[in-house]
C-alpha atoms as a PDB file:
ATOM      1  CA  MET A   1       0.379   0.310   0.542  1.00  0.00           C
ATOM      2  CA  GLU A   2       2.975   2.139   0.881  1.00  0.00           C
ATOM      3  CA  LYS A   3       3.737   2.093  -2.502  1.00  0.00           C
ATOM      4  CA  VAL A   4       1.020   2.573  -4.109  1.00  0.00           C
ATOM      5  CA  LEU A   5       0.757   6.216  -1.663  1.00  0.00           C
ATOM      6  CA  THR A   6       4.183   7.152  -3.153  1.00  0.00           C
ATOM      7  CA  GLN A   7       4.270   6.087  -6.117  1.00  0.00           C
ATOM      8  CA  PRO A   8       2.284   9.537  -7.972  1.00  0.00           C
ATOM      9  CA  TYR A   9       5.358  11.254  -5.919  1.00  0.00           C
ATOM     10  CA  THR A  10       8.662  10.795  -6.840  1.00  0.00           C
ATOM     11  CA  GLN A  11       8.207  12.128 -10.787  1.00  0.00           C
ATOM     12  CA  GLU A  12       7.293  14.876  -8.657  1.00  0.00           C
ATOM     13  CA  LYS A  13      11.085  15.060  -6.456  1.00  0.00           C
ATOM     14  CA  GLN A  14      12.825  14.980  -9.996  1.00  0.00           C
ATOM     15  CA  THR A  15      11.023  17.645 -11.611  1.00  0.00           C
ATOM     16  CA  PRO A  16      13.499  21.074 -10.268  1.00  0.00           C
ATOM     17  CA  TYR A  17      11.422  24.326  -9.381  1.00  0.00           C
ATOM     18  CA  TYR A  18      12.781  27.343  -9.287  1.00  0.00           C
ATOM     19  CA  LEU A  19      11.947  30.637  -7.888  1.00  0.00           C
ATOM     20  CA  HIS A  20       9.611  33.177  -9.949  1.00  0.00           C
ATOM     21  CA  GLY A  21       8.137  35.836  -8.150  1.00  0.00           C
ATOM     22  CA  MET A  22       6.561  36.505  -4.473  1.00  0.00           C
ATOM     23  CA  LEU A  23       4.667  38.783  -2.509  1.00  0.00           C
ATOM     24  CA  ILE A  24       5.826  40.488   0.910  1.00  0.00           C
ATOM     25  CA  HIS A  25       2.929  41.955   3.099  1.00  0.00           C
ATOM     26  CA  ASP A  26       4.478  44.375   4.842  1.00  0.00           C
ATOM     27  CA  GLY A  27       2.326  44.847   8.391  1.00  0.00           C
ATOM     28  CA  VAL A  28       0.197  42.868  10.703  1.00  0.00           C
ATOM     29  CA  ALA A  29      -1.945  40.752  10.984  1.00  0.00           C
ATOM     30  CA  GLU A  30      -4.977  42.726  11.735  1.00  0.00           C
ATOM     31  CA  ASN A  31      -3.623  45.793   9.070  1.00  0.00           C
ATOM     32  CA  GLY A  32      -0.769  45.564   6.222  1.00  0.00           C
ATOM     33  CA  HIS A  33       0.210  46.044   2.812  1.00  0.00           C
ATOM     34  CA  TYR A  34       1.326  43.815  -0.146  1.00  0.00           C
ATOM     35  CA  PHE A  35       3.129  44.037  -3.159  1.00  0.00           C
ATOM     36  CA  SER A  36       5.448  41.718  -5.118  1.00  0.00           C
ATOM     37  CA  TYR A  37       8.527  40.621  -6.312  1.00  0.00           C
ATOM     38  CA  ILE A  38       9.068  38.670 -10.280  1.00  0.00           C
ATOM     39  CA  TYR A  39      12.127  37.989 -12.132  1.00  0.00           C
ATOM     40  CA  ASP A  40      12.851  38.427 -14.750  1.00  0.00           C
ATOM     41  CA  ARG A  41      14.728  35.557 -16.461  1.00  0.00           C
ATOM     42  CA  CYS A  42      15.475  37.513 -19.811  1.00  0.00           C
ATOM     43  CA  LYS A  43      17.805  40.470 -17.846  1.00  0.00           C
ATOM     44  CA  LYS A  44      18.214  38.184 -14.527  1.00  0.00           C
ATOM     45  CA  HIS A  45      16.890  40.381 -12.289  1.00  0.00           C
ATOM     46  CA  TRP A  46      14.137  41.045  -9.580  1.00  0.00           C
ATOM     47  CA  TRP A  47      10.887  43.700 -10.552  1.00  0.00           C
ATOM     48  CA  LYS A  48       9.775  45.618  -7.308  1.00  0.00           C
ATOM     49  CA  MET A  49       6.043  45.795  -8.079  1.00  0.00           C
ATOM     50  CA  ASN A  50       4.197  48.490  -5.699  1.00  0.00           C
ATOM     51  CA  ASP A  51       1.072  49.442  -6.527  1.00  0.00           C
ATOM     52  CA  HIS A  52       2.700  51.644  -9.133  1.00  0.00           C
ATOM     53  CA  ARG A  53       5.999  51.893  -8.540  1.00  0.00           C
ATOM     54  CA  VAL A  54       7.961  50.137 -10.342  1.00  0.00           C
ATOM     55  CA  GLU A  55      11.557  49.154 -10.114  1.00  0.00           C
ATOM     56  CA  GLN A  56      14.683  46.747 -10.677  1.00  0.00           C
ATOM     57  CA  VAL A  57      16.056  46.076  -6.856  1.00  0.00           C
ATOM     58  CA  SER A  58      18.974  43.162  -6.440  1.00  0.00           C
ATOM     59  CA  GLU A  59      18.036  39.878  -5.132  1.00  0.00           C
ATOM     60  CA  GLU A  60      19.145  40.855  -1.511  1.00  0.00           C
ATOM     61  CA  ILE A  61      16.823  43.230  -0.899  1.00  0.00           C
ATOM     62  CA  VAL A  62      14.229  40.371  -2.755  1.00  0.00           C
ATOM     63  CA  PHE A  63      15.482  38.487   0.843  1.00  0.00           C
ATOM     64  CA  LYS A  64      15.801  40.399   2.831  1.00  0.00           C
ATOM     65  CA  ASP A  65      12.262  41.354   2.486  1.00  0.00           C
ATOM     66  CA  ALA A  66      11.544  37.626   2.832  1.00  0.00           C
ATOM     67  CA  PHE A  67      12.439  36.654   6.262  1.00  0.00           C
ATOM     68  CA  GLY A  68      11.668  40.579   7.831  1.00  0.00           C
ATOM     69  CA  GLY A  69      13.699  43.173   6.119  1.00  0.00           C
ATOM     70  CA  GLU A  70      12.538  46.855   7.659  1.00  0.00           C
ATOM     71  CA  GLY A  71      10.041  46.428  10.229  1.00  0.00           C
ATOM     72  CA  TYR A  72       7.315  43.698  10.181  1.00  0.00           C
ATOM     73  CA  ARG A  73       7.954  42.420   6.243  1.00  0.00           C
ATOM     74  CA  SER A  74       7.504  39.286   5.216  1.00  0.00           C
ATOM     75  CA  ALA A  75       7.028  36.785   2.484  1.00  0.00           C
ATOM     76  CA  CYS A  76       2.938  34.938   2.566  1.00  0.00           C
ATOM     77  CA  ASN A  77       3.032  33.607  -0.862  1.00  0.00           C
ATOM     78  CA  LEU A  78       5.907  31.573  -3.363  1.00  0.00           C
ATOM     79  CA  LEU A  79       5.167  31.712  -6.959  1.00  0.00           C
ATOM     80  CA  TYR A  80       7.240  28.631  -8.532  1.00  0.00           C
ATOM     81  CA  ILE A  81       7.706  26.928 -11.635  1.00  0.00           C
ATOM     82  CA  SER A  82       9.181  24.297 -14.034  1.00  0.00           C
ATOM     83  CA  LYS A  83      12.243  23.849 -15.218  1.00  0.00           C
ATOM     84  CA  HIS A  84      10.512  22.964 -18.296  1.00  0.00           C
ATOM     85  CA  ILE A  85       8.603  26.874 -17.717  1.00  0.00           C
ATOM     86  CA  LYS A  86      11.443  29.136 -17.149  1.00  0.00           C
ATOM     87  CA  ASP A  87      13.632  27.258 -20.403  1.00  0.00           C
ATOM     88  CA  SER A  88      10.278  27.397 -22.205  1.00  0.00           C
ATOM     89  CA  ILE A  89      10.783  31.250 -20.977  1.00  0.00           C
ATOM     90  CA  GLU A  90      14.171  31.755 -21.974  1.00  0.00           C
ATOM     91  CA  LYS A  91      14.434  30.388 -24.993  1.00  0.00           C
ATOM     92  CA  TYR A  92      11.533  32.974 -25.993  1.00  0.00           C
ATOM     93  CA  ASN A  93      13.081  36.054 -25.162  1.00  0.00           C
ATOM     94  CA  ARG A  94      16.112  34.640 -26.492  1.00  0.00           C
ATOM     95  CA  GLN A  95      14.016  33.891 -30.414  1.00  0.00           C
ATOM     96  CA  LEU A  96      12.937  37.747 -29.152  1.00  0.00           C
ATOM     97  CA  PHE A  97      16.366  38.829 -28.735  1.00  0.00           C
ATOM     98  CA  THR A  98      17.862  37.060 -31.597  1.00  0.00           C
ATOM     99  CA  GLU A  99      14.736  38.891 -33.862  1.00  0.00           C
ATOM    100  CA  SER A 100      15.519  42.298 -32.834  1.00  0.00           C
ATOM    101  CA  HIS A 101      18.946  42.208 -33.686  1.00  0.00           C
ATOM    102  CA  GLY A 102      19.438  40.579 -36.774  1.00  0.00           C
END
């Protein structure tokens, strides 16, 4: 019976996932504000999206905010993509770059 239960998860262990984005909560349980970080696989950097402000930030800042940051910040949702999706995004971005600069 144990083999029947664990077998569906065997493939999942072999599929690598990559962090692609995160939602940060800044505040306490009763009150706060949300903003997000998204990783740009074409330019290889992080974007902070906070209401109408969008800015490029270092990975150091992203992970600092995820683990406490300034005040009461912490990651509350993490978004991962599979290796297949990551590879597809990077291939598509390479094609766009080649076509626009070729």
